[in-house]
């Protein structure tokens, strides 16, 4: 059952709760609503990236991070996230072959 939060603050609180409990399916549903309700909210994008990384969806996370870096190539949070995702991928599949 999807909670029906009222307002941005409550929506973020429900997302944070679902994310913190590791209920990534519910968190995805809530972040989808958050993104629809607040399409220009940078907190929603960062939360989406953190959710995708936590869920092991590194491809979608990298795509979102790269979109952010296309807007601002020096954005420190996005650069740090990209570095962490690449490290996770490298650990999963090994280093690139020459």
N, C-alpha and C. Protein backbone atom coordinates (compact mmCIF):
# COMPACT_ATOMS: atom_id res chain seq x y z
N UNK A 1 0.85 -1.17 0.00
CA UNK A 1 0.00 0.00 0.00
C UNK A 1 0.89 1.23 0.00
N UNK A 2 0.64 2.12 -0.94
CA UNK A 2 1.43 3.34 -1.05
C UNK A 2 0.83 4.40 -0.14
N UNK A 3 1.64 4.95 0.77
CA UNK A 3 1.12 6.03 1.60
C UNK A 3 0.74 7.22 0.70
N UNK A 4 -0.23 7.99 1.13
CA UNK A 4 -0.65 9.18 0.40
C UNK A 4 -0.26 10.42 1.19
N UNK A 5 1.05 10.75 1.15
CA UNK A 5 1.50 11.91 1.91
C UNK A 5 0.91 13.20 1.37
N UNK A 6 0.75 14.14 2.26
CA UNK A 6 0.21 15.44 1.89
C UNK A 6 1.32 16.46 2.02
N UNK A 7 1.77 16.98 0.91
CA UNK A 7 2.79 18.02 0.93
C UNK A 7 4.19 17.46 0.77
N UNK A 8 5.07 18.36 0.40
CA UNK A 8 6.45 17.98 0.10
C UNK A 8 7.19 17.44 1.32
N UNK A 9 7.01 18.05 2.45
CA UNK A 9 7.74 17.62 3.65
C UNK A 9 7.33 16.20 4.04
N UNK A 10 6.05 15.93 4.02
CA UNK A 10 5.58 14.59 4.37
C UNK A 10 6.03 13.56 3.34
N UNK A 11 6.01 13.94 2.07
CA UNK A 11 6.46 13.04 1.01
C UNK A 11 7.93 12.68 1.21
N UNK A 12 8.76 13.67 1.49
CA UNK A 12 10.18 13.40 1.74
C UNK A 12 10.36 12.51 2.97
N UNK A 13 9.55 12.74 3.99
CA UNK A 13 9.66 11.94 5.21
C UNK A 13 9.31 10.47 4.93
N UNK A 14 8.24 10.24 4.16
CA UNK A 14 7.89 8.86 3.80
C UNK A 14 9.00 8.22 2.96
N UNK A 15 9.55 8.99 2.02
CA UNK A 15 10.65 8.46 1.21
C UNK A 15 11.81 8.08 2.11
N UNK A 16 12.21 9.00 2.99
CA UNK A 16 13.34 8.74 3.88
C UNK A 16 13.11 7.49 4.72
N UNK A 17 11.88 7.32 5.19
CA UNK A 17 11.55 6.14 6.00
C UNK A 17 11.67 4.87 5.17
N UNK A 18 11.05 4.86 3.99
CA UNK A 18 11.11 3.67 3.13
C UNK A 18 12.56 3.36 2.74
N UNK A 19 13.31 4.39 2.37
CA UNK A 19 14.71 4.21 1.99
C UNK A 19 15.51 3.66 3.16
N UNK A 20 15.32 4.25 4.33
CA UNK A 20 16.04 3.81 5.52
C UNK A 20 15.75 2.38 5.91
N UNK A 21 14.52 1.94 5.63
CA UNK A 21 14.13 0.55 5.94
C UNK A 21 14.55 -0.42 4.84
N UNK A 22 15.11 0.12 3.75
CA UNK A 22 15.54 -0.75 2.65
C UNK A 22 14.39 -1.21 1.76
N UNK A 23 13.23 -0.56 1.85
CA UNK A 23 12.09 -0.90 1.00
C UNK A 23 12.23 -0.07 -0.28
N UNK A 24 13.09 -0.52 -1.17
CA UNK A 24 13.43 0.25 -2.36
C UNK A 24 12.27 0.34 -3.36
N UNK A 25 11.40 -0.66 -3.38
CA UNK A 25 10.24 -0.58 -4.27
C UNK A 25 9.33 0.57 -3.84
N UNK A 26 9.02 0.63 -2.56
CA UNK A 26 8.19 1.72 -2.06
C UNK A 26 8.91 3.06 -2.22
N UNK A 27 10.20 3.07 -1.93
CA UNK A 27 10.97 4.31 -2.08
C UNK A 27 10.93 4.80 -3.53
N UNK A 28 11.00 3.88 -4.48
CA UNK A 28 10.92 4.28 -5.91
C UNK A 28 9.56 4.88 -6.24
N UNK A 29 8.51 4.30 -5.71
CA UNK A 29 7.18 4.85 -5.95
C UNK A 29 7.06 6.25 -5.37
N UNK A 30 7.58 6.42 -4.17
CA UNK A 30 7.51 7.74 -3.52
C UNK A 30 8.39 8.77 -4.23
N UNK A 31 9.58 8.37 -4.65
CA UNK A 31 10.45 9.32 -5.34
C UNK A 31 9.85 9.70 -6.69
N UNK A 32 9.15 8.76 -7.32
CA UNK A 32 8.48 9.08 -8.57
C UNK A 32 7.44 10.18 -8.38
N UNK A 33 6.68 10.06 -7.31
CA UNK A 33 5.69 11.11 -7.02
C UNK A 33 6.38 12.43 -6.68
N UNK A 34 7.44 12.35 -5.90
CA UNK A 34 8.20 13.54 -5.52
C UNK A 34 8.72 14.23 -6.78
N UNK A 35 9.27 13.46 -7.70
CA UNK A 35 9.79 14.03 -8.94
C UNK A 35 8.68 14.65 -9.80
N UNK A 36 7.51 14.04 -9.79
CA UNK A 36 6.39 14.62 -10.54
C UNK A 36 5.90 15.91 -9.89
N UNK A 37 5.82 15.89 -8.56
CA UNK A 37 5.32 17.06 -7.83
C UNK A 37 6.33 18.21 -7.80
N UNK A 38 7.61 17.87 -7.76
CA UNK A 38 8.67 18.87 -7.65
C UNK A 38 9.76 18.58 -8.69
N UNK A 39 9.46 18.76 -9.98
CA UNK A 39 10.40 18.34 -11.02
C UNK A 39 11.76 19.04 -11.01
N UNK A 40 11.86 20.18 -10.39
CA UNK A 40 13.13 20.91 -10.36
C UNK A 40 13.81 20.89 -9.00
N UNK A 41 13.37 20.00 -8.14
CA UNK A 41 13.94 19.92 -6.79
C UNK A 41 15.23 19.10 -6.83
N UNK A 42 16.37 19.75 -6.60
CA UNK A 42 17.64 19.00 -6.65
C UNK A 42 17.73 17.92 -5.57
N UNK A 43 16.99 18.09 -4.47
CA UNK A 43 17.00 17.06 -3.42
C UNK A 43 16.36 15.77 -3.94
N UNK A 44 15.35 15.90 -4.79
CA UNK A 44 14.71 14.71 -5.36
C UNK A 44 15.70 13.96 -6.24
N UNK A 45 16.44 14.69 -7.07
CA UNK A 45 17.42 14.04 -7.94
C UNK A 45 18.51 13.36 -7.12
N UNK A 46 19.02 14.04 -6.11
CA UNK A 46 20.05 13.42 -5.27
C UNK A 46 19.51 12.19 -4.55
N UNK A 47 18.29 12.28 -4.09
CA UNK A 47 17.68 11.12 -3.42
C UNK A 47 17.49 9.98 -4.40
N UNK A 48 17.11 10.28 -5.64
CA UNK A 48 16.97 9.24 -6.68
C UNK A 48 18.31 8.57 -6.91
N UNK A 49 19.37 9.36 -7.03
CA UNK A 49 20.71 8.80 -7.25
C UNK A 49 21.10 7.90 -6.08
N UNK A 50 20.90 8.38 -4.86
CA UNK A 50 21.24 7.58 -3.69
C UNK A 50 20.43 6.28 -3.65
N UNK A 51 19.16 6.36 -4.03
CA UNK A 51 18.32 5.17 -4.07
C UNK A 51 18.83 4.16 -5.09
N UNK A 52 19.15 4.62 -6.28
CA UNK A 52 19.64 3.71 -7.33
C UNK A 52 20.96 3.07 -6.91
N UNK A 53 21.84 3.83 -6.30
CA UNK A 53 23.11 3.27 -5.83
C UNK A 53 22.85 2.22 -4.76
N UNK A 54 22.02 2.55 -3.78
CA UNK A 54 21.74 1.61 -2.69
C UNK A 54 21.10 0.33 -3.21
N UNK A 55 20.27 0.45 -4.24
CA UNK A 55 19.59 -0.72 -4.81
C UNK A 55 20.48 -1.49 -5.78
N UNK A 56 21.69 -0.99 -6.01
CA UNK A 56 22.61 -1.68 -6.93
C UNK A 56 22.33 -1.41 -8.39
N UNK A 57 21.52 -0.40 -8.68
CA UNK A 57 21.20 -0.03 -10.06
C UNK A 57 22.21 1.03 -10.52
N UNK A 58 23.43 0.57 -10.75
CA UNK A 58 24.52 1.50 -11.03
C UNK A 58 24.39 2.18 -12.39
N UNK A 59 23.84 1.49 -13.37
CA UNK A 59 23.65 2.09 -14.69
C UNK A 59 22.75 3.31 -14.64
N UNK A 60 21.52 3.16 -14.10
CA UNK A 60 20.66 4.33 -13.97
C UNK A 60 21.27 5.44 -13.11
N UNK A 61 21.99 5.04 -12.05
CA UNK A 61 22.63 6.05 -11.20
C UNK A 61 23.67 6.83 -11.99
N UNK A 62 24.50 6.13 -12.75
CA UNK A 62 25.53 6.82 -13.55
C UNK A 62 24.91 7.75 -14.58
N UNK A 63 23.82 7.32 -15.18
CA UNK A 63 23.15 8.16 -16.18
C UNK A 63 22.69 9.47 -15.54
N UNK A 64 22.07 9.38 -14.37
CA UNK A 64 21.61 10.58 -13.67
C UNK A 64 22.76 11.45 -13.22
N UNK A 65 23.81 10.81 -12.72
CA UNK A 65 25.00 11.57 -12.28
C UNK A 65 25.60 12.30 -13.47
N UNK A 66 25.73 11.61 -14.59
CA UNK A 66 26.32 12.24 -15.78
C UNK A 66 25.47 13.39 -16.30
N UNK A 67 24.15 13.28 -16.16
CA UNK A 67 23.28 14.40 -16.54
C UNK A 67 23.57 15.61 -15.66
N UNK A 68 23.77 15.37 -14.39
CA UNK A 68 24.10 16.46 -13.48
C UNK A 68 25.46 17.06 -13.81
N UNK A 69 26.42 16.21 -14.11
CA UNK A 69 27.76 16.70 -14.43
C UNK A 69 27.79 17.43 -15.77
N UNK A 70 26.87 17.12 -16.66
CA UNK A 70 26.79 17.85 -17.93
C UNK A 70 26.37 19.30 -17.67
N UNK A 71 25.57 19.52 -16.63
CA UNK A 71 25.14 20.88 -16.26
C UNK A 71 26.26 21.63 -15.54
N UNK A 72 26.98 20.90 -14.67
CA UNK A 72 28.05 21.51 -13.88
C UNK A 72 29.15 20.47 -13.68
N UNK A 73 30.16 20.47 -14.55
CA UNK A 73 31.21 19.44 -14.49
C UNK A 73 32.04 19.45 -13.19
N UNK A 74 31.94 20.50 -12.40
CA UNK A 74 32.73 20.59 -11.17
C UNK A 74 31.89 20.38 -9.91
N UNK A 75 30.67 19.90 -10.07
CA UNK A 75 29.79 19.72 -8.92
C UNK A 75 30.35 18.61 -8.03
N UNK A 76 30.79 18.98 -6.84
CA UNK A 76 31.55 18.06 -6.00
C UNK A 76 30.74 16.85 -5.55
N UNK A 77 29.46 17.03 -5.21
CA UNK A 77 28.66 15.90 -4.77
C UNK A 77 28.52 14.87 -5.89
N UNK A 78 28.21 15.34 -7.10
CA UNK A 78 28.04 14.44 -8.24
C UNK A 78 29.36 13.74 -8.58
N UNK A 79 30.46 14.48 -8.51
CA UNK A 79 31.77 13.86 -8.78
C UNK A 79 32.08 12.76 -7.77
N UNK A 80 31.78 13.01 -6.50
CA UNK A 80 32.02 12.01 -5.47
C UNK A 80 31.13 10.78 -5.68
N UNK A 81 29.87 11.01 -6.06
CA UNK A 81 28.96 9.89 -6.32
C UNK A 81 29.44 9.07 -7.51
N UNK A 82 29.90 9.76 -8.55
CA UNK A 82 30.38 9.06 -9.75
C UNK A 82 31.58 8.19 -9.40
N UNK A 83 32.50 8.75 -8.62
CA UNK A 83 33.68 7.99 -8.21
C UNK A 83 33.29 6.75 -7.42
N UNK A 84 32.33 6.89 -6.51
CA UNK A 84 31.89 5.76 -5.69
C UNK A 84 31.20 4.69 -6.55
N UNK A 85 30.38 5.11 -7.51
CA UNK A 85 29.69 4.15 -8.37
C UNK A 85 30.69 3.41 -9.25
N UNK A 86 31.65 4.12 -9.81
CA UNK A 86 32.67 3.47 -10.65
C UNK A 86 33.46 2.47 -9.81
N UNK A 87 33.77 2.84 -8.57
CA UNK A 87 34.49 1.92 -7.67
C UNK A 87 33.65 0.66 -7.43
N UNK A 88 32.36 0.84 -7.16
CA UNK A 88 31.48 -0.32 -6.95
C UNK A 88 31.42 -1.21 -8.18
N UNK A 89 31.31 -0.60 -9.34
CA UNK A 89 31.27 -1.39 -10.58
C UNK A 89 32.58 -2.13 -10.81
N UNK A 90 33.67 -1.48 -10.54
CA UNK A 90 34.99 -2.10 -10.71
C UNK A 90 35.13 -3.31 -9.79
N UNK A 91 34.62 -3.17 -8.56
CA UNK A 91 34.66 -4.30 -7.63
C UNK A 91 33.80 -5.47 -8.12
N UNK A 92 32.70 -5.14 -8.78
CA UNK A 92 31.81 -6.20 -9.28
C UNK A 92 32.35 -6.92 -10.49
N UNK A 93 32.90 -6.15 -11.44
CA UNK A 93 33.28 -6.75 -12.72
C UNK A 93 34.79 -6.78 -12.95
N UNK A 94 35.53 -6.16 -12.08
CA UNK A 94 36.97 -6.11 -12.27
C UNK A 94 37.38 -4.88 -13.05
N UNK A 95 38.67 -4.60 -13.06
CA UNK A 95 39.15 -3.41 -13.75
C UNK A 95 39.01 -3.56 -15.27
N UNK A 96 38.94 -2.42 -15.97
CA UNK A 96 38.85 -2.49 -17.44
C UNK A 96 40.07 -3.19 -18.03
N UNK A 97 39.84 -3.93 -19.08
CA UNK A 97 40.95 -4.63 -19.76
C UNK A 97 41.60 -3.68 -20.76
N UNK A 98 42.93 -3.76 -20.87
CA UNK A 98 43.62 -2.85 -21.80
C UNK A 98 43.29 -3.11 -23.25
